[in-house]
Every structure is written in C-alpha cells, then in structure tokens.
Amino acid sequence: MMADPATQTKPNETEAETLARFLELELIQKRAAWKHASARRRNVRSLAFAFIFLVVIACLFGAYFVFMRVNEERGNQHPHSNTTAPAPNR
C-alpha cells in the first residue's frame, strides 16, 4: 500500500513551521538584546557628554576666578617707580 502524499508532507510542513517559529523567537530575542545594548550605549554617551560639559563649565568658572584675582592683585600693587627711579638732574 502506498502512503497518502498529503500525510507525508504534513510532518515536513510542521517541522518547517516549528523551525520558522524557533528562528523567529531567536530573532526577537536578538532584537531585544540589540535594543538593550543600544540603550546602554546611548546612556553612556549622554553621561560622557554631560561630564565633558561639566568639566568645561568648571574650567571656565576657574579661569574667571583666576583672572579676577589677577586683576585684584594688579590693582593692589603700589607704584614703586618713584622710590627706585633716580632723581632727575636740576
């Protein structure tokens, strides 16, 4: 007796469907992992930019105070040119 061709292809189709489902699940898991990794990279990148921004702001703040201090010191200097300069001839 010959087997019915419809029953012979049915197990192959179910194997193909099962394989397709497993591949789809694996792809879904990989996509989730990729999204998680890209979100982590985005967080690290934004933290790096925030850190660089804070460093630049701190440098500008420090430079402002240094230049203000230099200007104060320059204004507080006493003119010593009269005491050290020789007297003019008359």
PDB file of N, CA and C in Angstrom:
ATOM      1  N   MET A   1       0.810  -1.177   0.000  1.00  0.00           N
ATOM      2  CA  MET A   1       0.000   0.000   0.000  1.00  0.00           C
ATOM      3  C   MET A   1       0.864   1.254   0.000  1.00  0.00           C
ATOM      4  N   MET A   2       0.466   2.212  -0.763  1.00  0.00           N
ATOM      5  CA  MET A   2       1.230   3.455  -0.851  1.00  0.00           C
ATOM      6  C   MET A   2       0.678   4.460   0.156  1.00  0.00           C
ATOM      7  N   ALA A   3       1.573   5.193   0.726  1.00  0.00           N
ATOM      8  CA  ALA A   3       1.151   6.203   1.692  1.00  0.00           C
ATOM      9  C   ALA A   3       0.577   7.396   0.953  1.00  0.00           C
ATOM     10  N   ASP A   4      -0.351   8.009   1.603  1.00  0.00           N
ATOM     11  CA  ASP A   4      -1.003   9.186   1.017  1.00  0.00           C
ATOM     12  C   ASP A   4       0.006  10.339   0.969  1.00  0.00           C
ATOM     13  N   PRO A   5       0.183  11.005  -0.185  1.00  0.00           N
ATOM     14  CA  PRO A   5       1.163  12.095  -0.254  1.00  0.00           C
ATOM     15  C   PRO A   5       0.823  13.256   0.674  1.00  0.00           C
ATOM     16  N   ALA A   6      -0.421  13.487   0.984  1.00  0.00           N
ATOM     17  CA  ALA A   6      -0.802  14.591   1.870  1.00  0.00           C
ATOM     18  C   ALA A   6      -0.312  14.336   3.286  1.00  0.00           C
ATOM     19  N   THR A   7      -0.324  13.089   3.727  1.00  0.00           N
ATOM     20  CA  THR A   7       0.133  12.783   5.085  1.00  0.00           C
ATOM     21  C   THR A   7       1.646  12.797   5.172  1.00  0.00           C
ATOM     22  N   GLN A   8       2.328  12.521   4.060  1.00  0.00           N
ATOM     23  CA  GLN A   8       3.791  12.547   4.082  1.00  0.00           C
ATOM     24  C   GLN A   8       4.322  13.978   4.162  1.00  0.00           C
ATOM     25  N   THR A   9       3.697  14.911   3.519  1.00  0.00           N
ATOM     26  CA  THR A   9       4.182  16.289   3.539  1.00  0.00           C
ATOM     27  C   THR A   9       3.781  17.020   4.812  1.00  0.00           C
ATOM     28  N   LYS A  10       2.780  16.528   5.491  1.00  0.00           N
ATOM     29  CA  LYS A  10       2.316  17.207   6.703  1.00  0.00           C
ATOM     30  C   LYS A  10       3.396  17.258   7.790  1.00  0.00           C
ATOM     31  N   PRO A  11       4.108  16.163   8.091  1.00  0.00           N
ATOM     32  CA  PRO A  11       5.173  16.271   9.098  1.00  0.00           C
ATOM     33  C   PRO A  11       6.280  17.217   8.662  1.00  0.00           C
ATOM     34  N   ASN A  12       6.598  17.253   7.390  1.00  0.00           N
ATOM     35  CA  ASN A  12       7.629  18.178   6.910  1.00  0.00           C
ATOM     36  C   ASN A  12       7.181  19.625   7.073  1.00  0.00           C
ATOM     37  N   GLU A  13       5.919  19.890   6.823  1.00  0.00           N
ATOM     38  CA  GLU A  13       5.399  21.248   6.991  1.00  0.00           C
ATOM     39  C   GLU A  13       5.414  21.655   8.453  1.00  0.00           C
ATOM     40  N   THR A  14       5.069  20.751   9.338  1.00  0.00           N
ATOM     41  CA  THR A  14       5.089  21.103  10.758  1.00  0.00           C
ATOM     42  C   THR A  14       6.519  21.323  11.233  1.00  0.00           C
ATOM     43  N   GLU A  15       7.468  20.555  10.701  1.00  0.00           N
ATOM     44  CA  GLU A  15       8.867  20.790  11.051  1.00  0.00           C
ATOM     45  C   GLU A  15       9.317  22.157  10.539  1.00  0.00           C
ATOM     46  N   ALA A  16       8.894  22.494   9.343  1.00  0.00           N
ATOM     47  CA  ALA A  16       9.253  23.792   8.779  1.00  0.00           C
ATOM     48  C   ALA A  16       8.614  24.923   9.578  1.00  0.00           C
ATOM     49  N   GLU A  17       7.363  24.730   9.971  1.00  0.00           N
ATOM     50  CA  GLU A  17       6.697  25.754  10.785  1.00  0.00           C
ATOM     51  C   GLU A  17       7.367  25.886  12.146  1.00  0.00           C
ATOM     52  N   THR A  18       7.715  24.757  12.734  1.00  0.00           N
ATOM     53  CA  THR A  18       8.393  24.785  14.037  1.00  0.00           C
ATOM     54  C   THR A  18       9.747  25.478  13.909  1.00  0.00           C
ATOM     55  N   LEU A  19      10.477  25.128  12.862  1.00  0.00           N
ATOM     56  CA  LEU A  19      11.770  25.763  12.629  1.00  0.00           C
ATOM     57  C   LEU A  19      11.610  27.266  12.413  1.00  0.00           C
ATOM     58  N   ALA A  20      10.605  27.658  11.657  1.00  0.00           N
ATOM     59  CA  ALA A  20      10.350  29.080  11.415  1.00  0.00           C
ATOM     60  C   ALA A  20      10.004  29.793  12.717  1.00  0.00           C
ATOM     61  N   ARG A  21       9.204  29.151  13.569  1.00  0.00           N
ATOM     62  CA  ARG A  21       8.857  29.760  14.863  1.00  0.00           C
ATOM     63  C   ARG A  21      10.092  29.921  15.745  1.00  0.00           C
ATOM     64  N   PHE A  22      10.937  28.879  15.780  1.00  0.00           N
ATOM     65  CA  PHE A  22      12.156  28.968  16.585  1.00  0.00           C
ATOM     66  C   PHE A  22      13.084  30.066  16.061  1.00  0.00           C
ATOM     67  N   LEU A  23      13.211  30.161  14.753  1.00  0.00           N
ATOM     68  CA  LEU A  23      14.047  31.219  14.182  1.00  0.00           C
ATOM     69  C   LEU A  23      13.472  32.600  14.474  1.00  0.00           C
ATOM     70  N   GLU A  24      12.156  32.705  14.416  1.00  0.00           N
ATOM     71  CA  GLU A  24      11.511  33.981  14.726  1.00  0.00           C
ATOM     72  C   GLU A  24      11.721  34.358  16.191  1.00  0.00           C
ATOM     73  N   LEU A  25      11.602  33.372  17.087  1.00  0.00           N
ATOM     74  CA  LEU A  25      11.853  33.642  18.511  1.00  0.00           C
ATOM     75  C   LEU A  25      13.304  34.073  18.744  1.00  0.00           C
ATOM     76  N   GLU A  26      14.219  33.399  18.079  1.00  0.00           N
ATOM     77  CA  GLU A  26      15.628  33.765  18.228  1.00  0.00           C
ATOM     78  C   GLU A  26      15.877  35.180  17.720  1.00  0.00           C
ATOM     79  N   LEU A  27      15.258  35.530  16.600  1.00  0.00           N
ATOM     80  CA  LEU A  27      15.410  36.879  16.060  1.00  0.00           C
ATOM     81  C   LEU A  27      14.804  37.916  16.999  1.00  0.00           C
ATOM     82  N   ILE A  28      13.664  37.613  17.594  1.00  0.00           N
ATOM     83  CA  ILE A  28      13.039  38.533  18.556  1.00  0.00           C
ATOM     84  C   ILE A  28      13.960  38.742  19.756  1.00  0.00           C
ATOM     85  N   GLN A  29      14.571  37.650  20.240  1.00  0.00           N
ATOM     86  CA  GLN A  29      15.484  37.766  21.381  1.00  0.00           C
ATOM     87  C   GLN A  29      16.720  38.592  21.014  1.00  0.00           C
ATOM     88  N   LYS A  30      17.239  38.379  19.810  1.00  0.00           N
ATOM     89  CA  LYS A  30      18.409  39.156  19.387  1.00  0.00           C
ATOM     90  C   LYS A  30      18.055  40.627  19.237  1.00  0.00           C
ATOM     91  N   ARG A  31      16.883  40.923  18.696  1.00  0.00           N
ATOM     92  CA  ARG A  31      16.466  42.325  18.577  1.00  0.00           C
ATOM     93  C   ARG A  31      16.354  42.976  19.943  1.00  0.00           C
ATOM     94  N   ALA A  32      15.794  42.242  20.905  1.00  0.00           N
ATOM     95  CA  ALA A  32      15.676  42.786  22.262  1.00  0.00           C
ATOM     96  C   ALA A  32      17.064  43.050  22.845  1.00  0.00           C
ATOM     97  N   ALA A  33      17.998  42.130  22.612  1.00  0.00           N
ATOM     98  CA  ALA A  33      19.365  42.323  23.111  1.00  0.00           C
ATOM     99  C   ALA A  33      20.021  43.519  22.429  1.00  0.00           C
ATOM    100  N   TRP A  34      19.801  43.677  21.127  1.00  0.00           N
ATOM    101  CA  TRP A  34      20.374  44.814  20.405  1.00  0.00           C
ATOM    102  C   TRP A  34      19.805  46.129  20.916  1.00  0.00           C
ATOM    103  N   LYS A  35      18.497  46.162  21.164  1.00  0.00           N
ATOM    104  CA  LYS A  35      17.882  47.389  21.679  1.00  0.00           C
ATOM    105  C   LYS A  35      18.416  47.717  23.064  1.00  0.00           C
ATOM    106  N   HIS A  36      18.591  46.683  23.888  1.00  0.00           N
ATOM    107  CA  HIS A  36      19.115  46.897  25.232  1.00  0.00           C
ATOM    108  C   HIS A  36      20.547  47.436  25.158  1.00  0.00           C
ATOM    109  N   ALA A  37      21.356  46.861  24.276  1.00  0.00           N
ATOM    110  CA  ALA A  37      22.743  47.317  24.127  1.00  0.00           C
ATOM    111  C   ALA A  37      22.799  48.740  23.581  1.00  0.00           C
ATOM    112  N   SER A  38      21.932  49.063  22.631  1.00  0.00           N
ATOM    113  CA  SER A  38      21.946  50.427  22.085  1.00  0.00           C
ATOM    114  C   SER A  38      21.466  51.435  23.123  1.00  0.00           C
ATOM    115  N   ALA A  39      20.512  51.047  23.964  1.00  0.00           N
ATOM    116  CA  ALA A  39      20.062  51.945  25.032  1.00  0.00           C
ATOM    117  C   ALA A  39      21.190  52.180  26.034  1.00  0.00           C
ATOM    118  N   ARG A  40      21.931  51.138  26.348  1.00  0.00           N
ATOM    119  CA  ARG A  40      23.056  51.281  27.276  1.00  0.00           C
ATOM    120  C   ARG A  40      24.125  52.193  26.674  1.00  0.00           C
ATOM    121  N   ARG A  41      24.422  52.000  25.371  1.00  0.00           N
ATOM    122  CA  ARG A  41      25.396  52.856  24.699  1.00  0.00           C
ATOM    123  C   ARG A  41      24.939  54.307  24.691  1.00  0.00           C
ATOM    124  N   ARG A  42      23.646  54.520  24.464  1.00  0.00           N
ATOM    125  CA  ARG A  42      23.102  55.878  24.442  1.00  0.00           C
ATOM    126  C   ARG A  42      23.246  56.512  25.823  1.00  0.00           C
ATOM    127  N   ASN A  43      22.992  55.756  26.884  1.00  0.00           N
ATOM    128  CA  ASN A  43      23.139  56.293  28.239  1.00  0.00           C
ATOM    129  C   ASN A  43      24.588  56.657  28.537  1.00  0.00           C
ATOM    130  N   VAL A  44      25.505  55.791  28.153  1.00  0.00           N
ATOM    131  CA  VAL A  44      26.922  56.065  28.396  1.00  0.00           C
ATOM    132  C   VAL A  44      27.361  57.296  27.613  1.00  0.00           C
ATOM    133  N   ARG A  45      26.899  57.416  26.375  1.00  0.00           N
ATOM    134  CA  ARG A  45      27.259  58.570  25.549  1.00  0.00           C
ATOM    135  C   ARG A  45      26.719  59.856  26.154  1.00  0.00           C
ATOM    136  N   SER A  46      25.479  59.840  26.619  1.00  0.00           N
ATOM    137  CA  SER A  46      24.908  61.058  27.205  1.00  0.00           C
ATOM    138  C   SER A  46      25.613  61.414  28.512  1.00  0.00           C
ATOM    139  N   LEU A  47      25.985  60.416  29.306  1.00  0.00           N
ATOM    140  CA  LEU A  47      26.743  60.697  30.529  1.00  0.00           C
ATOM    141  C   LEU A  47      28.126  61.266  30.200  1.00  0.00           C
ATOM    142  N   ALA A  48      28.746  60.776  29.147  1.00  0.00           N
ATOM    143  CA  ALA A  48      30.056  61.298  28.746  1.00  0.00           C
ATOM    144  C   ALA A  48      29.941  62.758  28.316  1.00  0.00           C
ATOM    145  N   PHE A  49      28.916  63.079  27.531  1.00  0.00           N
ATOM    146  CA  PHE A  49      28.729  64.474  27.122  1.00  0.00           C
ATOM    147  C   PHE A  49      28.426  65.364  28.327  1.00  0.00           C
ATOM    148  N   ALA A  50      27.639  64.873  29.272  1.00  0.00           N
ATOM    149  CA  ALA A  50      27.340  65.657  30.470  1.00  0.00           C
ATOM    150  C   ALA A  50      28.619  65.896  31.280  1.00  0.00           C
ATOM    151  N   PHE A  51      29.461  64.876  31.406  1.00  0.00           N
ATOM    152  CA  PHE A  51      30.714  65.022  32.144  1.00  0.00           C
ATOM    153  C   PHE A  51      31.632  66.037  31.463  1.00  0.00           C
ATOM    154  N   ILE A  52      31.755  65.951  30.145  1.00  0.00           N
ATOM    155  CA  ILE A  52      32.593  66.906  29.410  1.00  0.00           C
ATOM    156  C   ILE A  52      32.047  68.318  29.566  1.00  0.00           C
ATOM    157  N   PHE A  53      30.729  68.465  29.509  1.00  0.00           N
ATOM    158  CA  PHE A  53      30.107  69.774  29.693  1.00  0.00           C
ATOM    159  C   PHE A  53      30.431  70.328  31.078  1.00  0.00           C
ATOM    160  N   LEU A  54      30.329  69.492  32.109  1.00  0.00           N
ATOM    161  CA  LEU A  54      30.641  69.946  33.467  1.00  0.00           C
ATOM    162  C   LEU A  54      32.115  70.326  33.608  1.00  0.00           C
ATOM    163  N   VAL A  55      32.995  69.580  32.971  1.00  0.00           N
ATOM    164  CA  VAL A  55      34.424  69.905  33.034  1.00  0.00           C
ATOM    165  C   VAL A  55      34.689  71.252  32.364  1.00  0.00           C
ATOM    166  N   VAL A  56      34.072  71.489  31.219  1.00  0.00           N
ATOM    167  CA  VAL A  56      34.257  72.764  30.519  1.00  0.00           C
ATOM    168  C   VAL A  56      33.714  73.914  31.362  1.00  0.00           C
ATOM    169  N   ILE A  57      32.542  73.739  31.954  1.00  0.00           N
ATOM    170  CA  ILE A  57      31.957  74.782  32.810  1.00  0.00           C
ATOM    171  C   ILE A  57      32.864  75.043  34.011  1.00  0.00           C
ATOM    172  N   ALA A  58      33.400  73.982  34.623  1.00  0.00           N
ATOM    173  CA  ALA A  58      34.294  74.156  35.770  1.00  0.00           C
ATOM    174  C   ALA A  58      35.568  74.894  35.361  1.00  0.00           C
ATOM    175  N   CYS A  59      36.098  74.581  34.181  1.00  0.00           N
ATOM    176  CA  CYS A  59      37.302  75.287  33.700  1.00  0.00           C
ATOM    177  C   CYS A  59      37.013  76.763  33.458  1.00  0.00           C
ATOM    178  N   LEU A  60      35.881  77.059  32.865  1.00  0.00           N
ATOM    179  CA  LEU A  60      35.519  78.462  32.640  1.00  0.00           C
ATOM    180  C   LEU A  60      35.327  79.195  33.965  1.00  0.00           C
ATOM    181  N   PHE A  61      34.692  78.540  34.916  1.00  0.00           N
ATOM    182  CA  PHE A  61      34.482  79.122  36.240  1.00  0.00           C
ATOM    183  C   PHE A  61      35.828  79.387  36.917  1.00  0.00           C
ATOM    184  N   GLY A  62      36.734  78.411  36.857  1.00  0.00           N
ATOM    185  CA  GLY A  62      38.064  78.573  37.447  1.00  0.00           C
ATOM    186  C   GLY A  62      38.851  79.679  36.776  1.00  0.00           C
ATOM    187  N   ALA A  63      38.793  79.754  35.455  1.00  0.00           N
ATOM    188  CA  ALA A  63      39.510  80.807  34.730  1.00  0.00           C
ATOM    189  C   ALA A  63      38.961  82.178  35.094  1.00  0.00           C
ATOM    190  N   TYR A  64      37.657  82.281  35.252  1.00  0.00           N
ATOM    191  CA  TYR A  64      37.049  83.554  35.643  1.00  0.00           C
ATOM    192  C   TYR A  64      37.598  84.008  36.994  1.00  0.00           C
ATOM    193  N   PHE A  65      37.634  83.104  37.974  1.00  0.00           N
ATOM    194  CA  PHE A  65      38.119  83.489  39.295  1.00  0.00           C
ATOM    195  C   PHE A  65      39.618  83.778  39.283  1.00  0.00           C
ATOM    196  N   VAL A  66      40.381  83.049  38.486  1.00  0.00           N
ATOM    197  CA  VAL A  66      41.821  83.326  38.398  1.00  0.00           C
ATOM    198  C   VAL A  66      42.050  84.707  37.807  1.00  0.00           C
ATOM    199  N   PHE A  67      41.372  85.036  36.727  1.00  0.00           N
ATOM    200  CA  PHE A  67      41.559  86.350  36.117  1.00  0.00           C
ATOM    201  C   PHE A  67      41.048  87.465  37.020  1.00  0.00           C
ATOM    202  N   MET A  68      39.992  87.231  37.766  1.00  0.00           N
ATOM    203  CA  MET A  68      39.515  88.241  38.712  1.00  0.00           C
ATOM    204  C   MET A  68      40.556  88.463  39.809  1.00  0.00           C
ATOM    205  N   ARG A  69      41.174  87.396  40.278  1.00  0.00           N
ATOM    206  CA  ARG A  69      42.197  87.513  41.316  1.00  0.00           C
ATOM    207  C   ARG A  69      43.428  88.256  40.777  1.00  0.00           C
ATOM    208  N   VAL A  70      43.807  87.967  39.547  1.00  0.00           N
ATOM    209  CA  VAL A  70      44.952  88.654  38.940  1.00  0.00           C
ATOM    210  C   VAL A  70      44.647  90.139  38.810  1.00  0.00           C
ATOM    211  N   ASN A  71      43.451  90.490  38.400  1.00  0.00           N
ATOM    212  CA  ASN A  71      43.082  91.903  38.285  1.00  0.00           C
ATOM    213  C   ASN A  71      43.087  92.586  39.646  1.00  0.00           C
ATOM    214  N   GLU A  72      42.635  91.887  40.689  1.00  0.00           N
ATOM    215  CA  GLU A  72      42.675  92.466  42.044  1.00  0.00           C
ATOM    216  C   GLU A  72      44.118  92.707  42.472  1.00  0.00           C
ATOM    217  N   GLU A  73      44.993  91.738  42.240  1.00  0.00           N
ATOM    218  CA  GLU A  73      46.398  91.882  42.621  1.00  0.00           C
ATOM    219  C   GLU A  73      47.062  93.006  41.839  1.00  0.00           C
ATOM    220  N   ARG A  74      46.717  93.134  40.582  1.00  0.00           N
ATOM    221  CA  ARG A  74      47.293  94.197  39.760  1.00  0.00           C
ATOM    222  C   ARG A  74      46.828  95.563  40.271  1.00  0.00           C
ATOM    223  N   GLY A  75      45.580  95.653  40.706  1.00  0.00           N
ATOM    224  CA  GLY A  75      45.062  96.919  41.225  1.00  0.00           C
ATOM    225  C   GLY A  75      45.615  97.254  42.600  1.00  0.00           C
ATOM    226  N   ASN A  76      46.015  96.266  43.383  1.00  0.00           N
ATOM    227  CA  ASN A  76      46.523  96.488  44.734  1.00  0.00           C
ATOM    228  C   ASN A  76      48.020  96.776  44.771  1.00  0.00           C
ATOM    229  N   GLN A  77      48.710  96.682  43.668  1.00  0.00           N
ATOM    230  CA  GLN A  77      50.151  96.940  43.657  1.00  0.00           C
ATOM    231  C   GLN A  77      50.403  98.429  43.866  1.00  0.00           C
ATOM    232  N   HIS A  78      51.403  98.725  44.706  1.00  0.00           N
ATOM    233  CA  HIS A  78      51.783 100.114  44.961  1.00  0.00           C
ATOM    234  C   HIS A  78      52.811 100.534  43.918  1.00  0.00           C
ATOM    235  N   PRO A  79      52.695 101.731  43.438  1.00  0.00           N
ATOM    236  CA  PRO A  79      53.694 102.179  42.445  1.00  0.00           C
ATOM    237  C   PRO A  79      55.044 102.363  43.118  1.00  0.00           C
ATOM    238  N   HIS A  80      56.020 101.601  42.725  1.00  0.00           N
ATOM    239  CA  HIS A  80      57.372 101.673  43.282  1.00  0.00           C
ATOM    240  C   HIS A  80      58.300 102.451  42.366  1.00  0.00           C
ATOM    241  N   SER A  81      57.809 102.982  41.311  1.00  0.00           N
ATOM    242  CA  SER A  81      58.675 103.662  40.339  1.00  0.00           C
ATOM    243  C   SER A  81      59.278 104.946  40.915  1.00  0.00           C
ATOM    244  N   ASN A  82      58.603 105.650  41.829  1.00  0.00           N
ATOM    245  CA  ASN A  82      59.129 106.896  42.400  1.00  0.00           C
ATOM    246  C   ASN A  82      60.282 106.627  43.347  1.00  0.00           C
ATOM    247  N   THR A  83      60.257 105.561  44.088  1.00  0.00           N
ATOM    248  CA  THR A  83      61.305 105.310  45.075  1.00  0.00           C
ATOM    249  C   THR A  83      62.530 104.678  44.447  1.00  0.00           C
ATOM    250  N   THR A  84      62.377 103.969  43.370  1.00  0.00           N
ATOM    251  CA  THR A  84      63.534 103.297  42.783  1.00  0.00           C
ATOM    252  C   THR A  84      64.143 104.078  41.631  1.00  0.00           C
ATOM    253  N   ALA A  85      63.440 105.026  41.104  1.00  0.00           N
ATOM    254  CA  ALA A  85      63.968 105.796  39.974  1.00  0.00           C
ATOM    255  C   ALA A  85      64.939 106.849  40.498  1.00  0.00           C
ATOM    256  N   PRO A  86      66.010 107.098  39.768  1.00  0.00           N
ATOM    257  CA  PRO A  86      66.951 108.142  40.214  1.00  0.00           C
ATOM    258  C   PRO A  86      66.322 109.523  40.068  1.00  0.00           C
ATOM    259  N   ALA A  87      66.759 110.400  40.895  1.00  0.00           N
ATOM    260  CA  ALA A  87      66.229 111.768  40.868  1.00  0.00           C
ATOM    261  C   ALA A  87      66.726 112.479  39.621  1.00  0.00           C
ATOM    262  N   PRO A  88      65.891 113.271  39.011  1.00  0.00           N
ATOM    263  CA  PRO A  88      66.331 113.991  37.803  1.00  0.00           C
ATOM    264  C   PRO A  88      67.326 115.095  38.166  1.00  0.00           C
ATOM    265  N   ASN A  89      68.210 115.406  37.251  1.00  0.00           N
ATOM    266  CA  ASN A  89      69.212 116.462  37.454  1.00  0.00           C
ATOM    267  C   ASN A  89      68.570 117.819  37.226  1.00  0.00           C
ATOM    268  N   ARG A  90      68.911 118.789  38.140  1.00  0.00           N
ATOM    269  CA  ARG A  90      68.369 120.144  38.004  1.00  0.00           C
ATOM    270  C   ARG A  90      69.428 121.116  37.745  1.00  0.00           C
TER     271      ARG A  90
END
